[in-house]
Every structure is written in C-alpha cells, then in structure tokens.
Amino acid sequence: MAGEPTIEIVGSTTRESELRFVPSGRAVCNVDVAVNPRRKDGPSGEWKEQPAQFYRLAAWGDMAENVAESLTRGMRVVVQEIGRAHV
C-alpha cells in the first residue's frame, strides 16, 4: 500500500502464545513482546538502556495458527505491520 506507514517491532516473546477460536470459528493468537530499546548518547558516544516497552499483538486466521505453532517464550521476533496500529 503506497503511502501507508510501516510499523516494526523487534523484541522477544515474554510468554507462550495463546491460540483460541472466536464463535465464528476464526483463529486468533495473542503474543506478548518485550522491547528493550537503547539509544546512543551524543556527547559520550555510550549506549544507554531505555525503559522496556511491552506490546500485546494479535494475529488472525491462518497466520494465527502459524504463529501459535512457531513461537515459544523467549524467542527473538521481528513484527512488521503495514497500515495503522490499533491502540
């Protein structure tokens, strides 16, 4: 999609993924991801740890089933979404 923002989250899963099915039968999988950002301090050139950020992500349909089968606690993940974040 041209002109749509790309959101990228790089972090680690904090617990096992949760697969469930809504009444219509569609799969949904919830995954929690922790991001530990670092920033380079300009004057000193040292890397500074920032407070951790936590995200709860949801995948739907076939992707939900693939995520549930593939991800376990502590895995490093890169999540990309094109479009708008639903906060």
N, C-alpha and C. Protein backbone atom coordinates (compact mmCIF):
# COMPACT_ATOMS: atom_id res chain seq x y z
N MET A 1 0.83 -1.17 0.00
CA MET A 1 0.00 0.00 0.00
C MET A 1 0.88 1.24 0.00
N ALA A 2 0.79 1.99 -1.03
CA ALA A 2 1.61 3.19 -1.13
C ALA A 2 1.16 4.24 -0.12
N GLY A 3 2.12 4.84 0.53
CA GLY A 3 1.81 5.91 1.46
C GLY A 3 1.40 5.47 2.85
N GLU A 4 1.23 4.18 3.09
CA GLU A 4 0.86 3.70 4.42
C GLU A 4 2.12 3.57 5.28
N PRO A 5 2.01 3.91 6.56
CA PRO A 5 3.18 3.78 7.44
C PRO A 5 3.50 2.31 7.71
N THR A 6 4.79 2.03 7.92
CA THR A 6 5.23 0.69 8.30
C THR A 6 5.65 0.73 9.76
N ILE A 7 5.12 -0.19 10.54
CA ILE A 7 5.44 -0.29 11.96
C ILE A 7 6.28 -1.55 12.14
N GLU A 8 7.42 -1.42 12.82
CA GLU A 8 8.28 -2.57 13.05
C GLU A 8 8.59 -2.67 14.53
N ILE A 9 8.39 -3.85 15.08
CA ILE A 9 8.68 -4.12 16.49
C ILE A 9 9.70 -5.25 16.53
N VAL A 10 10.84 -5.01 17.18
CA VAL A 10 11.89 -6.02 17.32
C VAL A 10 12.07 -6.29 18.80
N GLY A 11 11.84 -7.51 19.23
CA GLY A 11 11.94 -7.83 20.65
C GLY A 11 11.90 -9.33 20.88
N SER A 12 11.54 -9.70 22.09
CA SER A 12 11.46 -11.11 22.49
C SER A 12 10.09 -11.42 23.06
N THR A 13 9.60 -12.62 22.78
CA THR A 13 8.32 -13.03 23.34
C THR A 13 8.48 -13.24 24.85
N THR A 14 7.48 -12.84 25.61
CA THR A 14 7.59 -12.92 27.06
C THR A 14 6.88 -14.13 27.65
N ARG A 15 6.03 -14.78 26.86
CA ARG A 15 5.35 -16.00 27.33
C ARG A 15 4.88 -16.78 26.12
N GLU A 16 4.34 -17.96 26.36
CA GLU A 16 3.84 -18.79 25.27
C GLU A 16 2.67 -18.08 24.58
N SER A 17 2.54 -18.29 23.28
CA SER A 17 1.44 -17.70 22.54
C SER A 17 0.13 -18.38 22.95
N GLU A 18 -0.97 -17.64 22.82
CA GLU A 18 -2.30 -18.15 23.20
C GLU A 18 -3.18 -18.24 21.96
N LEU A 19 -3.48 -19.45 21.53
CA LEU A 19 -4.36 -19.65 20.38
C LEU A 19 -5.77 -19.95 20.87
N ARG A 20 -6.74 -19.27 20.29
CA ARG A 20 -8.15 -19.54 20.60
C ARG A 20 -8.96 -19.32 19.34
N PHE A 21 -10.21 -19.68 19.41
CA PHE A 21 -11.10 -19.53 18.26
C PHE A 21 -12.32 -18.74 18.69
N VAL A 22 -12.69 -17.75 17.89
CA VAL A 22 -13.88 -16.95 18.17
C VAL A 22 -15.11 -17.76 17.74
N PRO A 23 -16.32 -17.36 18.17
CA PRO A 23 -17.52 -18.15 17.85
C PRO A 23 -17.72 -18.45 16.36
N SER A 24 -17.22 -17.58 15.49
CA SER A 24 -17.36 -17.84 14.05
C SER A 24 -16.41 -18.93 13.57
N GLY A 25 -15.47 -19.36 14.44
CA GLY A 25 -14.52 -20.40 14.08
C GLY A 25 -13.17 -19.87 13.63
N ARG A 26 -13.05 -18.56 13.52
CA ARG A 26 -11.79 -17.94 13.08
C ARG A 26 -10.76 -17.99 14.21
N ALA A 27 -9.52 -18.32 13.88
CA ALA A 27 -8.45 -18.41 14.87
C ALA A 27 -7.89 -17.03 15.19
N VAL A 28 -7.52 -16.84 16.45
CA VAL A 28 -6.82 -15.63 16.88
C VAL A 28 -5.73 -16.07 17.86
N CYS A 29 -4.54 -15.50 17.70
CA CYS A 29 -3.41 -15.84 18.55
C CYS A 29 -2.84 -14.57 19.16
N ASN A 30 -2.73 -14.53 20.47
CA ASN A 30 -2.14 -13.39 21.17
C ASN A 30 -0.70 -13.71 21.55
N VAL A 31 0.18 -12.73 21.34
CA VAL A 31 1.60 -12.87 21.65
C VAL A 31 2.05 -11.61 22.36
N ASP A 32 2.78 -11.75 23.45
CA ASP A 32 3.34 -10.60 24.16
C ASP A 32 4.81 -10.46 23.80
N VAL A 33 5.21 -9.24 23.45
CA VAL A 33 6.59 -8.97 23.03
C VAL A 33 7.16 -7.84 23.88
N ALA A 34 8.38 -8.05 24.38
CA ALA A 34 9.09 -7.02 25.13
C ALA A 34 10.20 -6.45 24.25
N VAL A 35 10.31 -5.13 24.26
CA VAL A 35 11.35 -4.43 23.51
C VAL A 35 12.22 -3.69 24.51
N ASN A 36 13.52 -3.90 24.42
CA ASN A 36 14.48 -3.22 25.30
C ASN A 36 15.30 -2.24 24.47
N PRO A 37 14.78 -1.02 24.29
CA PRO A 37 15.47 -0.08 23.41
C PRO A 37 16.74 0.50 24.04
N ARG A 38 17.69 0.84 23.16
CA ARG A 38 18.91 1.52 23.58
C ARG A 38 19.09 2.73 22.68
N ARG A 39 19.66 3.77 23.23
CA ARG A 39 19.96 4.97 22.46
C ARG A 39 21.42 5.35 22.68
N LYS A 40 22.01 5.86 21.63
CA LYS A 40 23.40 6.29 21.74
C LYS A 40 23.42 7.73 22.24
N ASP A 41 24.15 7.95 23.34
CA ASP A 41 24.28 9.27 23.93
C ASP A 41 25.24 10.08 23.07
N GLY A 42 24.78 11.24 22.61
CA GLY A 42 25.58 12.06 21.70
C GLY A 42 26.95 12.45 22.23
N PRO A 43 27.01 13.16 23.36
CA PRO A 43 28.32 13.64 23.84
C PRO A 43 29.30 12.52 24.22
N SER A 44 28.82 11.49 24.90
CA SER A 44 29.73 10.45 25.37
C SER A 44 29.91 9.32 24.36
N GLY A 45 28.94 9.14 23.46
CA GLY A 45 29.01 8.05 22.49
C GLY A 45 28.66 6.69 23.08
N GLU A 46 28.23 6.66 24.34
CA GLU A 46 27.88 5.40 25.01
C GLU A 46 26.43 5.03 24.73
N TRP A 47 26.16 3.72 24.74
CA TRP A 47 24.80 3.24 24.59
C TRP A 47 24.11 3.26 25.95
N LYS A 48 22.92 3.83 26.00
CA LYS A 48 22.13 3.93 27.23
C LYS A 48 20.87 3.09 27.11
N GLU A 49 20.64 2.26 28.13
CA GLU A 49 19.42 1.45 28.16
C GLU A 49 18.22 2.35 28.46
N GLN A 50 17.12 2.09 27.79
CA GLN A 50 15.87 2.81 27.99
C GLN A 50 14.89 1.87 28.69
N PRO A 51 13.82 2.40 29.29
CA PRO A 51 12.84 1.52 29.92
C PRO A 51 12.22 0.54 28.90
N ALA A 52 11.97 -0.68 29.35
CA ALA A 52 11.38 -1.70 28.48
C ALA A 52 9.97 -1.29 28.06
N GLN A 53 9.61 -1.69 26.86
CA GLN A 53 8.27 -1.44 26.33
C GLN A 53 7.64 -2.81 26.06
N PHE A 54 6.37 -2.93 26.38
CA PHE A 54 5.67 -4.21 26.21
C PHE A 54 4.50 -4.04 25.26
N TYR A 55 4.35 -5.01 24.35
CA TYR A 55 3.28 -4.97 23.36
C TYR A 55 2.52 -6.29 23.38
N ARG A 56 1.21 -6.21 23.28
CA ARG A 56 0.37 -7.40 23.12
C ARG A 56 -0.12 -7.37 21.67
N LEU A 57 0.25 -8.39 20.92
CA LEU A 57 -0.06 -8.45 19.50
C LEU A 57 -1.04 -9.56 19.22
N ALA A 58 -1.85 -9.39 18.18
CA ALA A 58 -2.82 -10.40 17.79
C ALA A 58 -2.66 -10.72 16.32
N ALA A 59 -2.69 -12.01 16.00
CA ALA A 59 -2.69 -12.47 14.61
C ALA A 59 -4.00 -13.22 14.40
N TRP A 60 -4.52 -13.15 13.18
CA TRP A 60 -5.82 -13.74 12.89
C TRP A 60 -5.71 -14.76 11.76
N GLY A 61 -6.65 -15.69 11.73
CA GLY A 61 -6.77 -16.65 10.63
C GLY A 61 -5.61 -17.62 10.55
N ASP A 62 -5.16 -17.90 9.32
CA ASP A 62 -4.06 -18.84 9.11
C ASP A 62 -2.79 -18.36 9.78
N MET A 63 -2.56 -17.05 9.76
CA MET A 63 -1.36 -16.51 10.41
C MET A 63 -1.39 -16.83 11.91
N ALA A 64 -2.54 -16.76 12.53
CA ALA A 64 -2.66 -17.06 13.96
C ALA A 64 -2.22 -18.49 14.25
N GLU A 65 -2.65 -19.42 13.44
CA GLU A 65 -2.27 -20.81 13.65
C GLU A 65 -0.78 -21.03 13.42
N ASN A 66 -0.21 -20.35 12.41
CA ASN A 66 1.23 -20.45 12.17
C ASN A 66 2.03 -19.86 13.32
N VAL A 67 1.59 -18.71 13.84
CA VAL A 67 2.28 -18.08 14.96
C VAL A 67 2.25 -18.98 16.19
N ALA A 68 1.09 -19.56 16.47
CA ALA A 68 0.95 -20.43 17.65
C ALA A 68 1.87 -21.66 17.55
N GLU A 69 2.04 -22.19 16.35
CA GLU A 69 2.89 -23.36 16.16
C GLU A 69 4.38 -23.01 16.17
N SER A 70 4.71 -21.77 15.81
CA SER A 70 6.11 -21.39 15.60
C SER A 70 6.79 -20.70 16.78
N LEU A 71 6.04 -19.89 17.53
CA LEU A 71 6.66 -19.07 18.56
C LEU A 71 6.54 -19.67 19.95
N THR A 72 7.64 -19.60 20.69
CA THR A 72 7.64 -20.01 22.09
C THR A 72 8.25 -18.89 22.91
N ARG A 73 8.14 -19.00 24.20
CA ARG A 73 8.64 -17.98 25.13
C ARG A 73 10.13 -17.76 24.92
N GLY A 74 10.52 -16.47 24.89
CA GLY A 74 11.93 -16.10 24.80
C GLY A 74 12.48 -15.99 23.39
N MET A 75 11.67 -16.29 22.38
CA MET A 75 12.15 -16.20 21.00
C MET A 75 12.28 -14.74 20.58
N ARG A 76 13.31 -14.47 19.80
CA ARG A 76 13.51 -13.15 19.23
C ARG A 76 12.61 -13.03 18.01
N VAL A 77 11.87 -11.93 17.89
CA VAL A 77 10.93 -11.76 16.78
C VAL A 77 11.06 -10.37 16.16
N VAL A 78 10.73 -10.30 14.89
CA VAL A 78 10.59 -9.04 14.18
C VAL A 78 9.17 -9.04 13.62
N VAL A 79 8.39 -8.05 14.02
CA VAL A 79 6.99 -7.97 13.59
C VAL A 79 6.84 -6.72 12.74
N GLN A 80 6.29 -6.88 11.54
CA GLN A 80 6.05 -5.73 10.67
C GLN A 80 4.57 -5.66 10.35
N GLU A 81 4.06 -4.46 10.38
CA GLU A 81 2.66 -4.20 10.02
C GLU A 81 2.64 -3.01 9.10
N ILE A 82 1.96 -3.14 8.00
CA ILE A 82 1.79 -2.01 7.10
C ILE A 82 0.38 -1.51 7.28
N GLY A 83 0.26 -0.24 7.62
CA GLY A 83 -1.05 0.34 7.89
C GLY A 83 -1.04 1.03 9.23
N ARG A 84 -2.16 1.05 9.87
CA ARG A 84 -2.30 1.76 11.12
C ARG A 84 -2.30 0.80 12.31
N ALA A 85 -1.65 1.24 13.39
CA ALA A 85 -1.67 0.46 14.63
C ALA A 85 -3.00 0.68 15.31
N HIS A 86 -3.54 -0.37 15.89
CA HIS A 86 -4.79 -0.27 16.66
C HIS A 86 -4.40 -0.26 18.13
N VAL A 87 -4.47 0.89 18.73
CA VAL A 87 -4.02 1.05 20.11
C VAL A 87 -5.21 1.04 21.05
